[in-house]
Amino acid sequence: MDKHFATYLVFFVGYAAFLALSLAMDRHHAQVLHGKPGSGRRLILRLTGWALLALALWLCSQAWGWAIGPVAWFGLLSAAALGLVFLLPYAPRFAAWLVVLGPLLALPPFFL
């Protein structure tokens, strides 16, 4: 896997994971989706978030190996979390849409 492609992929998978974990909380769910999550939705969001974090770790290990992969994983997750932390209070709807729009805007240079 190309390391530049893996960087974008792990960043947006980590961003989606943190968004899912934050949407499992009442406050952030109300900010973005205007309501409180039920217990079933909360469980699904938590499981999805943790599964996406595991997927991001696996992707990093495939791109950089197990010696550097976890270090890259922590760095990219920190950047994704920082972006979400600054974006969620000011533009919560855009923070949710960035999960879809971000990869679409970041991937075209790899296919040119």
PDB file of N, CA and C in Angstrom:
ATOM      1  N   MET A   1       0.851  -1.178   0.000  1.00  0.00           N
ATOM      2  CA  MET A   1       0.000   0.000   0.000  1.00  0.00           C
ATOM      3  C   MET A   1       0.895   1.239   0.000  1.00  0.00           C
ATOM      4  N   ASP A   2       0.527   2.210  -0.802  1.00  0.00           N
ATOM      5  CA  ASP A   2       1.260   3.471  -0.872  1.00  0.00           C
ATOM      6  C   ASP A   2       1.102   4.221   0.455  1.00  0.00           C
ATOM      7  N   LYS A   3       2.203   4.731   0.970  1.00  0.00           N
ATOM      8  CA  LYS A   3       2.170   5.382   2.278  1.00  0.00           C
ATOM      9  C   LYS A   3       1.362   6.680   2.275  1.00  0.00           C
ATOM     10  N   HIS A   4       1.381   7.401   1.165  1.00  0.00           N
ATOM     11  CA  HIS A   4       0.586   8.631   1.102  1.00  0.00           C
ATOM     12  C   HIS A   4      -0.911   8.322   1.088  1.00  0.00           C
ATOM     13  N   PHE A   5      -1.277   7.314   0.337  1.00  0.00           N
ATOM     14  CA  PHE A   5      -2.671   6.882   0.306  1.00  0.00           C
ATOM     15  C   PHE A   5      -3.100   6.370   1.681  1.00  0.00           C
ATOM     16  N   ALA A   6      -2.221   5.614   2.330  1.00  0.00           N
ATOM     17  CA  ALA A   6      -2.521   5.087   3.666  1.00  0.00           C
ATOM     18  C   ALA A   6      -2.684   6.211   4.678  1.00  0.00           C
ATOM     19  N   THR A   7      -1.921   7.276   4.531  1.00  0.00           N
ATOM     20  CA  THR A   7      -2.035   8.405   5.454  1.00  0.00           C
ATOM     21  C   THR A   7      -3.421   9.013   5.399  1.00  0.00           C
ATOM     22  N   TYR A   8      -3.903   9.297   4.186  1.00  0.00           N
ATOM     23  CA  TYR A   8      -5.258   9.850   4.050  1.00  0.00           C
ATOM     24  C   TYR A   8      -6.312   8.867   4.534  1.00  0.00           C
ATOM     25  N   LEU A   9      -6.131   7.609   4.176  1.00  0.00           N
ATOM     26  CA  LEU A   9      -7.124   6.602   4.539  1.00  0.00           C
ATOM     27  C   LEU A   9      -7.213   6.430   6.051  1.00  0.00           C
ATOM     28  N   VAL A  10      -6.082   6.322   6.709  1.00  0.00           N
ATOM     29  CA  VAL A  10      -6.081   6.142   8.167  1.00  0.00           C
ATOM     30  C   VAL A  10      -6.606   7.395   8.857  1.00  0.00           C
ATOM     31  N   PHE A  11      -6.266   8.571   8.346  1.00  0.00           N
ATOM     32  CA  PHE A  11      -6.774   9.813   8.942  1.00  0.00           C
ATOM     33  C   PHE A  11      -8.296   9.841   8.917  1.00  0.00           C
ATOM     34  N   PHE A  12      -8.899   9.556   7.759  1.00  0.00           N
ATOM     35  CA  PHE A  12     -10.351   9.649   7.660  1.00  0.00           C
ATOM     36  C   PHE A  12     -11.057   8.476   8.335  1.00  0.00           C
ATOM     37  N   VAL A  13     -10.433   7.316   8.397  1.00  0.00           N
ATOM     38  CA  VAL A  13     -11.022   6.213   9.168  1.00  0.00           C
ATOM     39  C   VAL A  13     -10.985   6.557  10.655  1.00  0.00           C
ATOM     40  N   GLY A  14      -9.876   7.136  11.113  1.00  0.00           N
ATOM     41  CA  GLY A  14      -9.788   7.571  12.510  1.00  0.00           C
ATOM     42  C   GLY A  14     -10.772   8.679  12.830  1.00  0.00           C
ATOM     43  N   TYR A  15     -10.948   9.606  11.891  1.00  0.00           N
ATOM     44  CA  TYR A  15     -11.927  10.684  12.077  1.00  0.00           C
ATOM     45  C   TYR A  15     -13.336  10.103  12.194  1.00  0.00           C
ATOM     46  N   ALA A  16     -13.662   9.146  11.319  1.00  0.00           N
ATOM     47  CA  ALA A  16     -14.982   8.509  11.375  1.00  0.00           C
ATOM     48  C   ALA A  16     -15.159   7.745  12.678  1.00  0.00           C
ATOM     49  N   ALA A  17     -14.094   7.122  13.161  1.00  0.00           N
ATOM     50  CA  ALA A  17     -14.175   6.387  14.427  1.00  0.00           C
ATOM     51  C   ALA A  17     -14.459   7.327  15.584  1.00  0.00           C
ATOM     52  N   PHE A  18     -13.732   8.427  15.643  1.00  0.00           N
ATOM     53  CA  PHE A  18     -13.959   9.381  16.730  1.00  0.00           C
ATOM     54  C   PHE A  18     -15.324  10.052  16.620  1.00  0.00           C
ATOM     55  N   LEU A  19     -15.782  10.289  15.407  1.00  0.00           N
ATOM     56  CA  LEU A  19     -17.123  10.851  15.244  1.00  0.00           C
ATOM     57  C   LEU A  19     -18.180   9.866  15.736  1.00  0.00           C
ATOM     58  N   ALA A  20     -18.012   8.586  15.413  1.00  0.00           N
ATOM     59  CA  ALA A  20     -18.974   7.583  15.883  1.00  0.00           C
ATOM     60  C   ALA A  20     -18.955   7.494  17.408  1.00  0.00           C
ATOM     61  N   LEU A  21     -17.765   7.517  17.993  1.00  0.00           N
ATOM     62  CA  LEU A  21     -17.690   7.460  19.457  1.00  0.00           C
ATOM     63  C   LEU A  21     -18.278   8.713  20.099  1.00  0.00           C
ATOM     64  N   SER A  22     -18.096   9.864  19.475  1.00  0.00           N
ATOM     65  CA  SER A  22     -18.675  11.077  20.056  1.00  0.00           C
ATOM     66  C   SER A  22     -20.187  11.120  19.863  1.00  0.00           C
ATOM     67  N   LEU A  23     -20.690  10.564  18.760  1.00  0.00           N
ATOM     68  CA  LEU A  23     -22.141  10.541  18.559  1.00  0.00           C
ATOM     69  C   LEU A  23     -22.839   9.579  19.517  1.00  0.00           C
ATOM     70  N   ALA A  24     -22.094   8.697  20.153  1.00  0.00           N
ATOM     71  CA  ALA A  24     -22.674   7.817  21.164  1.00  0.00           C
ATOM     72  C   ALA A  24     -22.965   8.570  22.466  1.00  0.00           C
ATOM     73  N   MET A  25     -22.465   9.790  22.582  1.00  0.00           N
ATOM     74  CA  MET A  25     -22.731  10.621  23.761  1.00  0.00           C
ATOM     75  C   MET A  25     -23.957  11.503  23.507  1.00  0.00           C
ATOM     76  N   ASP A  26     -24.726  11.742  24.547  1.00  0.00           N
ATOM     77  CA  ASP A  26     -25.956  12.526  24.416  1.00  0.00           C
ATOM     78  C   ASP A  26     -25.707  13.926  23.865  1.00  0.00           C
ATOM     79  N   ARG A  27     -24.694  14.590  24.404  1.00  0.00           N
ATOM     80  CA  ARG A  27     -24.462  15.993  24.032  1.00  0.00           C
ATOM     81  C   ARG A  27     -24.118  16.130  22.545  1.00  0.00           C
ATOM     82  N   HIS A  28     -23.185  15.327  22.062  1.00  0.00           N
ATOM     83  CA  HIS A  28     -22.748  15.451  20.671  1.00  0.00           C
ATOM     84  C   HIS A  28     -23.805  14.922  19.709  1.00  0.00           C
ATOM     85  N   HIS A  29     -24.537  13.912  20.127  1.00  0.00           N
ATOM     86  CA  HIS A  29     -25.619  13.402  19.282  1.00  0.00           C
ATOM     87  C   HIS A  29     -26.692  14.473  19.111  1.00  0.00           C
ATOM     88  N   ALA A  30     -26.981  15.199  20.173  1.00  0.00           N
ATOM     89  CA  ALA A  30     -27.967  16.278  20.085  1.00  0.00           C
ATOM     90  C   ALA A  30     -27.454  17.428  19.221  1.00  0.00           C
ATOM     91  N   GLN A  31     -26.151  17.704  19.281  1.00  0.00           N
ATOM     92  CA  GLN A  31     -25.572  18.762  18.451  1.00  0.00           C
ATOM     93  C   GLN A  31     -25.701  18.448  16.973  1.00  0.00           C
ATOM     94  N   VAL A  32     -25.391  17.219  16.600  1.00  0.00           N
ATOM     95  CA  VAL A  32     -25.309  16.858  15.185  1.00  0.00           C
ATOM     96  C   VAL A  32     -26.655  16.396  14.647  1.00  0.00           C
ATOM     97  N   LEU A  33     -27.341  15.529  15.366  1.00  0.00           N
ATOM     98  CA  LEU A  33     -28.557  14.900  14.853  1.00  0.00           C
ATOM     99  C   LEU A  33     -29.832  15.359  15.549  1.00  0.00           C
ATOM    100  N   HIS A  34     -29.732  16.291  16.474  1.00  0.00           N
ATOM    101  CA  HIS A  34     -30.891  16.893  17.143  1.00  0.00           C
ATOM    102  C   HIS A  34     -31.781  15.867  17.834  1.00  0.00           C
ATOM    103  N   GLY A  35     -31.205  15.119  18.728  1.00  0.00           N
ATOM    104  CA  GLY A  35     -31.953  14.167  19.529  1.00  0.00           C
ATOM    105  C   GLY A  35     -30.995  13.312  20.332  1.00  0.00           C
ATOM    106  N   LYS A  36     -31.536  12.559  21.270  1.00  0.00           N
ATOM    107  CA  LYS A  36     -30.695  11.678  22.070  1.00  0.00           C
ATOM    108  C   LYS A  36     -30.703  10.282  21.453  1.00  0.00           C
ATOM    109  N   PRO A  37     -29.565   9.601  21.493  1.00  0.00           N
ATOM    110  CA  PRO A  37     -29.535   8.252  20.920  1.00  0.00           C
ATOM    111  C   PRO A  37     -30.200   7.246  21.854  1.00  0.00           C
ATOM    112  N   GLY A  38     -30.847   6.276  21.266  1.00  0.00           N
ATOM    113  CA  GLY A  38     -31.395   5.184  22.065  1.00  0.00           C
ATOM    114  C   GLY A  38     -30.279   4.246  22.476  1.00  0.00           C
ATOM    115  N   SER A  39     -30.597   3.307  23.315  1.00  0.00           N
ATOM    116  CA  SER A  39     -29.548   2.403  23.796  1.00  0.00           C
ATOM    117  C   SER A  39     -29.000   1.523  22.677  1.00  0.00           C
ATOM    118  N   GLY A  40     -29.843   1.126  21.731  1.00  0.00           N
ATOM    119  CA  GLY A  40     -29.377   0.317  20.608  1.00  0.00           C
ATOM    120  C   GLY A  40     -28.457   1.100  19.683  1.00  0.00           C
ATOM    121  N   ARG A  41     -28.844   2.331  19.375  1.00  0.00           N
ATOM    122  CA  ARG A  41     -28.006   3.176  18.512  1.00  0.00           C
ATOM    123  C   ARG A  41     -26.694   3.516  19.199  1.00  0.00           C
ATOM    124  N   ARG A  42     -26.761   3.765  20.504  1.00  0.00           N
ATOM    125  CA  ARG A  42     -25.543   4.074  21.250  1.00  0.00           C
ATOM    126  C   ARG A  42     -24.559   2.900  21.197  1.00  0.00           C
ATOM    127  N   LEU A  43     -25.069   1.675  21.355  1.00  0.00           N
ATOM    128  CA  LEU A  43     -24.219   0.492  21.294  1.00  0.00           C
ATOM    129  C   LEU A  43     -23.622   0.313  19.899  1.00  0.00           C
ATOM    130  N   ILE A  44     -24.424   0.515  18.870  1.00  0.00           N
ATOM    131  CA  ILE A  44     -23.936   0.373  17.495  1.00  0.00           C
ATOM    132  C   ILE A  44     -22.865   1.421  17.200  1.00  0.00           C
ATOM    133  N   LEU A  45     -23.070   2.653  17.650  1.00  0.00           N
ATOM    134  CA  LEU A  45     -22.077   3.700  17.422  1.00  0.00           C
ATOM    135  C   LEU A  45     -20.772   3.391  18.147  1.00  0.00           C
ATOM    136  N   ARG A  46     -20.857   2.897  19.356  1.00  0.00           N
ATOM    137  CA  ARG A  46     -19.632   2.548  20.094  1.00  0.00           C
ATOM    138  C   ARG A  46     -18.896   1.398  19.437  1.00  0.00           C
ATOM    139  N   LEU A  47     -19.611   0.359  19.054  1.00  0.00           N
ATOM    140  CA  LEU A  47     -18.969  -0.777  18.394  1.00  0.00           C
ATOM    141  C   LEU A  47     -18.364  -0.369  17.055  1.00  0.00           C
ATOM    142  N   THR A  48     -19.062   0.479  16.319  1.00  0.00           N
ATOM    143  CA  THR A  48     -18.538   0.967  15.047  1.00  0.00           C
ATOM    144  C   THR A  48     -17.277   1.787  15.260  1.00  0.00           C
ATOM    145  N   GLY A  49     -17.283   2.652  16.247  1.00  0.00           N
ATOM    146  CA  GLY A  49     -16.111   3.473  16.533  1.00  0.00           C
ATOM    147  C   GLY A  49     -14.897   2.635  16.887  1.00  0.00           C
ATOM    148  N   TRP A  50     -15.079   1.667  17.768  1.00  0.00           N
ATOM    149  CA  TRP A  50     -13.949   0.818  18.148  1.00  0.00           C
ATOM    150  C   TRP A  50     -13.487  -0.069  17.000  1.00  0.00           C
ATOM    151  N   ALA A  51     -14.422  -0.541  16.184  1.00  0.00           N
ATOM    152  CA  ALA A  51     -14.045  -1.347  15.024  1.00  0.00           C
ATOM    153  C   ALA A  51     -13.249  -0.514  14.017  1.00  0.00           C
ATOM    154  N   LEU A  52     -13.645   0.730  13.823  1.00  0.00           N
ATOM    155  CA  LEU A  52     -12.901   1.600  12.908  1.00  0.00           C
ATOM    156  C   LEU A  52     -11.516   1.941  13.447  1.00  0.00           C
ATOM    157  N   LEU A  53     -11.369   2.075  14.760  1.00  0.00           N
ATOM    158  CA  LEU A  53     -10.039   2.282  15.326  1.00  0.00           C
ATOM    159  C   LEU A  53      -9.154   1.064  15.109  1.00  0.00           C
ATOM    160  N   ALA A  54      -9.717  -0.125  15.261  1.00  0.00           N
ATOM    161  CA  ALA A  54      -8.951  -1.350  14.996  1.00  0.00           C
ATOM    162  C   ALA A  54      -8.589  -1.449  13.516  1.00  0.00           C
ATOM    163  N   LEU A  55      -9.510  -1.082  12.636  1.00  0.00           N
ATOM    164  CA  LEU A  55      -9.225  -1.084  11.200  1.00  0.00           C
ATOM    165  C   LEU A  55      -8.102  -0.104  10.869  1.00  0.00           C
ATOM    166  N   ALA A  56      -8.104   1.053  11.484  1.00  0.00           N
ATOM    167  CA  ALA A  56      -7.042   2.024  11.247  1.00  0.00           C
ATOM    168  C   ALA A  56      -5.692   1.486  11.711  1.00  0.00           C
ATOM    169  N   LEU A  57      -5.659   0.783  12.827  1.00  0.00           N
ATOM    170  CA  LEU A  57      -4.411   0.176  13.295  1.00  0.00           C
ATOM    171  C   LEU A  57      -3.930  -0.880  12.315  1.00  0.00           C
ATOM    172  N   TRP A  58      -4.840  -1.684  11.805  1.00  0.00           N
ATOM    173  CA  TRP A  58      -4.461  -2.714  10.835  1.00  0.00           C
ATOM    174  C   TRP A  58      -3.938  -2.074   9.551  1.00  0.00           C
ATOM    175  N   LEU A  59      -4.592  -1.004   9.092  1.00  0.00           N
ATOM    176  CA  LEU A  59      -4.133  -0.321   7.887  1.00  0.00           C
ATOM    177  C   LEU A  59      -2.737   0.266   8.079  1.00  0.00           C
ATOM    178  N   CYS A  60      -2.476   0.832   9.242  1.00  0.00           N
ATOM    179  CA  CYS A  60      -1.141   1.363   9.521  1.00  0.00           C
ATOM    180  C   CYS A  60      -0.097   0.252   9.557  1.00  0.00           C
ATOM    181  N   SER A  61      -0.448  -0.880  10.112  1.00  0.00           N
ATOM    182  CA  SER A  61       0.504  -1.986  10.151  1.00  0.00           C
ATOM    183  C   SER A  61       0.769  -2.542   8.754  1.00  0.00           C
ATOM    184  N   GLN A  62      -0.209  -2.480   7.869  1.00  0.00           N
ATOM    185  CA  GLN A  62       0.000  -2.931   6.500  1.00  0.00           C
ATOM    186  C   GLN A  62       0.884  -1.953   5.724  1.00  0.00           C
ATOM    187  N   ALA A  63       0.735  -0.676   6.003  1.00  0.00           N
ATOM    188  CA  ALA A  63       1.495   0.333   5.262  1.00  0.00           C
ATOM    189  C   ALA A  63       2.923   0.483   5.780  1.00  0.00           C
ATOM    190  N   TRP A  64       3.105   0.504   7.095  1.00  0.00           N
ATOM    191  CA  TRP A  64       4.411   0.793   7.667  1.00  0.00           C
ATOM    192  C   TRP A  64       5.020  -0.372   8.444  1.00  0.00           C
ATOM    193  N   GLY A  65       4.323  -1.469   8.597  1.00  0.00           N
ATOM    194  CA  GLY A  65       4.825  -2.577   9.402  1.00  0.00           C
ATOM    195  C   GLY A  65       4.516  -2.358  10.876  1.00  0.00           C
ATOM    196  N   TRP A  66       4.741  -3.403  11.672  1.00  0.00           N
ATOM    197  CA  TRP A  66       4.391  -3.320  13.084  1.00  0.00           C
ATOM    198  C   TRP A  66       5.404  -2.529  13.906  1.00  0.00           C
ATOM    199  N   ALA A  67       6.550  -2.214  13.334  1.00  0.00           N
ATOM    200  CA  ALA A  67       7.530  -1.411  14.071  1.00  0.00           C
ATOM    201  C   ALA A  67       7.141   0.068  14.070  1.00  0.00           C
ATOM    202  N   ILE A  68       6.688   0.599  12.955  1.00  0.00           N
ATOM    203  CA  ILE A  68       6.354   2.012  12.822  1.00  0.00           C
ATOM    204  C   ILE A  68       4.851   2.234  12.765  1.00  0.00           C
ATOM    205  N   GLY A  69       4.083   1.230  12.389  1.00  0.00           N
ATOM    206  CA  GLY A  69       2.640   1.365  12.219  1.00  0.00           C
ATOM    207  C   GLY A  69       1.902   1.924  13.426  1.00  0.00           C
ATOM    208  N   PRO A  70       2.120   1.380  14.630  1.00  0.00           N
ATOM    209  CA  PRO A  70       1.415   1.950  15.792  1.00  0.00           C
ATOM    210  C   PRO A  70       1.791   3.404  16.087  1.00  0.00           C
ATOM    211  N   VAL A  71       3.029   3.794  15.791  1.00  0.00           N
ATOM    212  CA  VAL A  71       3.437   5.184  15.991  1.00  0.00           C
ATOM    213  C   VAL A  71       2.694   6.091  15.010  1.00  0.00           C
ATOM    214  N   ALA A  72       2.632   5.664  13.752  1.00  0.00           N
ATOM    215  CA  ALA A  72       1.880   6.424  12.747  1.00  0.00           C
ATOM    216  C   ALA A  72       0.398   6.454  13.107  1.00  0.00           C
ATOM    217  N   TRP A  73      -0.104   5.346  13.643  1.00  0.00           N
ATOM    218  CA  TRP A  73      -1.508   5.261  14.049  1.00  0.00           C
ATOM    219  C   TRP A  73      -1.826   6.302  15.118  1.00  0.00           C
ATOM    220  N   PHE A  74      -0.985   6.371  16.148  1.00  0.00           N
ATOM    221  CA  PHE A  74      -1.206   7.362  17.210  1.00  0.00           C
ATOM    222  C   PHE A  74      -1.118   8.789  16.672  1.00  0.00           C
ATOM    223  N   GLY A  75      -0.167   9.046  15.801  1.00  0.00           N
ATOM    224  CA  GLY A  75      -0.025  10.391  15.245  1.00  0.00           C
ATOM    225  C   GLY A  75      -1.215  10.790  14.387  1.00  0.00           C
ATOM    226  N   LEU A  76      -1.659   9.894  13.517  1.00  0.00           N
ATOM    227  CA  LEU A  76      -2.791  10.209  12.651  1.00  0.00           C
ATOM    228  C   LEU A  76      -4.092  10.304  13.440  1.00  0.00           C
ATOM    229  N   LEU A  77      -4.243   9.462  14.456  1.00  0.00           N
ATOM    230  CA  LEU A  77      -5.431   9.564  15.298  1.00  0.00           C
ATOM    231  C   LEU A  77      -5.436  10.867  16.088  1.00  0.00           C
ATOM    232  N   SER A  78      -4.267  11.310  16.518  1.00  0.00           N
ATOM    233  CA  SER A  78      -4.199  12.593  17.228  1.00  0.00           C
ATOM    234  C   SER A  78      -4.610  13.740  16.320  1.00  0.00           C
ATOM    235  N   ALA A  79      -4.153  13.705  15.075  1.00  0.00           N
ATOM    236  CA  ALA A  79      -4.529  14.759  14.126  1.00  0.00           C
ATOM    237  C   ALA A  79      -6.025  14.714  13.814  1.00  0.00           C
ATOM    238  N   ALA A  80      -6.573  13.513  13.653  1.00  0.00           N
ATOM    239  CA  ALA A  80      -8.009  13.384  13.371  1.00  0.00           C
ATOM    240  C   ALA A  80      -8.841  13.856  14.562  1.00  0.00           C
ATOM    241  N   ALA A  81      -8.423  13.495  15.766  1.00  0.00           N
ATOM    242  CA  ALA A  81      -9.157  13.919  16.965  1.00  0.00           C
ATOM    243  C   ALA A  81      -9.082  15.428  17.147  1.00  0.00           C
ATOM    244  N   LEU A  82      -7.934  16.010  16.857  1.00  0.00           N
ATOM    245  CA  LEU A  82      -7.797  17.458  16.977  1.00  0.00           C
ATOM    246  C   LEU A  82      -8.716  18.173  15.991  1.00  0.00           C
ATOM    247  N   GLY A  83      -8.781  17.660  14.781  1.00  0.00           N
ATOM    248  CA  GLY A  83      -9.693  18.246  13.805  1.00  0.00           C
ATOM    249  C   GLY A  83     -11.139  18.157  14.243  1.00  0.00           C
ATOM    250  N   LEU A  84     -11.535  17.021  14.782  1.00  0.00           N
ATOM    251  CA  LEU A  84     -12.906  16.851  15.241  1.00  0.00           C
ATOM    252  C   LEU A  84     -13.203  17.730  16.452  1.00  0.00           C
ATOM    253  N   VAL A  85     -12.252  17.840  17.351  1.00  0.00           N
ATOM    254  CA  VAL A  85     -12.449  18.657  18.558  1.00  0.00           C
ATOM    255  C   VAL A  85     -12.666  20.124  18.199  1.00  0.00           C
ATOM    256  N   PHE A  86     -11.924  20.621  17.214  1.00  0.00           N
ATOM    257  CA  PHE A  86     -12.095  22.021  16.831  1.00  0.00           C
ATOM    258  C   PHE A  86     -13.304  22.235  15.936  1.00  0.00           C
ATOM    259  N   LEU A  87     -13.722  21.224  15.212  1.00  0.00           N
ATOM    260  CA  LEU A  87     -14.821  21.393  14.269  1.00  0.00           C
ATOM    261  C   LEU A  87     -16.186  21.135  14.894  1.00  0.00           C
ATOM    262  N   LEU A  88     -16.280  20.222  15.823  1.00  0.00           N
ATOM    263  CA  LEU A  88     -17.572  19.828  16.384  1.00  0.00           C
ATOM    264  C   LEU A  88     -18.317  20.962  17.094  1.00  0.00           C
ATOM    265  N   PRO A  89     -17.676  21.812  17.889  1.00  0.00           N
ATOM    266  CA  PRO A  89     -18.449  22.871  18.543  1.00  0.00           C
ATOM    267  C   PRO A  89     -18.928  23.973  17.594  1.00  0.00           C
ATOM    268  N   TYR A  90     -18.195  24.227  16.529  1.00  0.00           N
ATOM    269  CA  TYR A  90     -18.514  25.367  15.667  1.00  0.00           C
ATOM    270  C   TYR A  90     -19.318  24.987  14.430  1.00  0.00           C
ATOM    271  N   ALA A  91     -19.106  23.797  13.905  1.00  0.00           N
ATOM    272  CA  ALA A  91     -19.826  23.358  12.701  1.00  0.00           C
ATOM    273  C   ALA A  91     -20.162  21.874  12.826  1.00  0.00           C
ATOM    274  N   PRO A  92     -21.114  21.537  13.708  1.00  0.00           N
ATOM    275  CA  PRO A  92     -21.376  20.119  13.954  1.00  0.00           C
ATOM    276  C   PRO A  92     -21.918  19.374  12.737  1.00  0.00           C
ATOM    277  N   ARG A  93     -22.741  20.022  11.934  1.00  0.00           N
ATOM    278  CA  ARG A  93     -23.271  19.344  10.746  1.00  0.00           C
ATOM    279  C   ARG A  93     -22.163  19.093   9.728  1.00  0.00           C
ATOM    280  N   PHE A  94     -21.270  20.079   9.560  1.00  0.00           N
ATOM    281  CA  PHE A  94     -20.147  19.901   8.646  1.00  0.00           C
ATOM    282  C   PHE A  94     -19.199  18.827   9.156  1.00  0.00           C
ATOM    283  N   ALA A  95     -19.048  18.714  10.472  1.00  0.00           N
ATOM    284  CA  ALA A  95     -18.190  17.671  11.038  1.00  0.00           C
ATOM    285  C   ALA A  95     -18.689  16.287  10.650  1.00  0.00           C
ATOM    286  N   ALA A  96     -20.011  16.130  10.606  1.00  0.00           N
ATOM    287  CA  ALA A  96     -20.571  14.836  10.194  1.00  0.00           C
ATOM    288  C   ALA A  96     -20.415  14.626   8.693  1.00  0.00           C
ATOM    289  N   TRP A  97     -20.598  15.670   7.906  1.00  0.00           N
ATOM    290  CA  TRP A  97     -20.466  15.543   6.456  1.00  0.00           C
ATOM    291  C   TRP A  97     -19.021  15.348   6.017  1.00  0.00           C
ATOM    292  N   LEU A  98     -18.070  15.754   6.828  1.00  0.00           N
ATOM    293  CA  LEU A  98     -16.671  15.602   6.465  1.00  0.00           C
ATOM    294  C   LEU A  98     -16.263  14.132   6.368  1.00  0.00           C
ATOM    295  N   VAL A  99     -16.990  13.256   7.034  1.00  0.00           N
ATOM    296  CA  VAL A  99     -16.712  11.825   6.912  1.00  0.00           C
ATOM    297  C   VAL A  99     -16.918  11.369   5.474  1.00  0.00           C
ATOM    298  N   VAL A 100     -17.892  11.948   4.799  1.00  0.00           N
ATOM    299  CA  VAL A 100     -18.180  11.585   3.410  1.00  0.00           C
ATOM    300  C   VAL A 100     -17.368  12.433   2.440  1.00  0.00           C
ATOM    301  N   LEU A 101     -17.319  13.747   2.679  1.00  0.00           N
ATOM    302  CA  LEU A 101     -16.668  14.655   1.743  1.00  0.00           C
ATOM    303  C   LEU A 101     -15.147  14.591   1.788  1.00  0.00           C
ATOM    304  N   GLY A 102     -14.580  14.347   2.940  1.00  0.00           N
ATOM    305  CA  GLY A 102     -13.122  14.327   3.084  1.00  0.00           C
ATOM    306  C   GLY A 102     -12.430  13.329   2.174  1.00  0.00           C
ATOM    307  N   PRO A 103     -12.803  12.062   2.219  1.00  0.00           N
ATOM    308  CA  PRO A 103     -12.148  11.108   1.312  1.00  0.00           C
ATOM    309  C   PRO A 103     -12.401  11.419  -0.160  1.00  0.00           C
ATOM    310  N   LEU A 104     -13.582  11.926  -0.486  1.00  0.00           N
ATOM    311  CA  LEU A 104     -13.859  12.259  -1.881  1.00  0.00           C
ATOM    312  C   LEU A 104     -12.977  13.394  -2.371  1.00  0.00           C
ATOM    313  N   LEU A 105     -12.672  14.344  -1.507  1.00  0.00           N
ATOM    314  CA  LEU A 105     -11.809  15.455  -1.904  1.00  0.00           C
ATOM    315  C   LEU A 105     -10.325  15.085  -1.861  1.00  0.00           C
ATOM    316  N   ALA A 106      -9.957  14.129  -1.042  1.00  0.00           N
ATOM    317  CA  ALA A 106      -8.546  13.778  -0.879  1.00  0.00           C
ATOM    318  C   ALA A 106      -8.066  12.712  -1.863  1.00  0.00           C
ATOM    319  N   LEU A 107      -8.950  11.901  -2.395  1.00  0.00           N
ATOM    320  CA  LEU A 107      -8.519  10.785  -3.227  1.00  0.00           C
ATOM    321  C   LEU A 107      -8.218  11.101  -4.686  1.00  0.00           C
ATOM    322  N   PRO A 108      -8.829  12.091  -5.337  1.00  0.00           N
ATOM    323  CA  PRO A 108      -8.558  12.290  -6.769  1.00  0.00           C
ATOM    324  C   PRO A 108      -7.095  12.441  -7.159  1.00  0.00           C
ATOM    325  N   PRO A 109      -6.221  13.073  -6.370  1.00  0.00           N
ATOM    326  CA  PRO A 109      -4.817  13.149  -6.809  1.00  0.00           C
ATOM    327  C   PRO A 109      -4.151  11.778  -6.979  1.00  0.00           C
ATOM    328  N   PHE A 110      -4.662  10.767  -6.310  1.00  0.00           N
ATOM    329  CA  PHE A 110      -4.071   9.442  -6.428  1.00  0.00           C
ATOM    330  C   PHE A 110      -4.494   8.734  -7.712  1.00  0.00           C
ATOM    331  N   PHE A 111      -5.508   9.222  -8.357  1.00  0.00           N
ATOM    332  CA  PHE A 111      -6.009   8.575  -9.568  1.00  0.00           C
ATOM    333  C   PHE A 111      -5.714   9.375 -10.830  1.00  0.00           C
ATOM    334  N   LEU A 112      -4.993  10.476 -10.714  1.00  0.00           N
ATOM    335  CA  LEU A 112      -4.640  11.281 -11.883  1.00  0.00           C
ATOM    336  C   LEU A 112      -3.372  10.783 -12.525  1.00  0.00           C
TER     337      LEU A 112
END
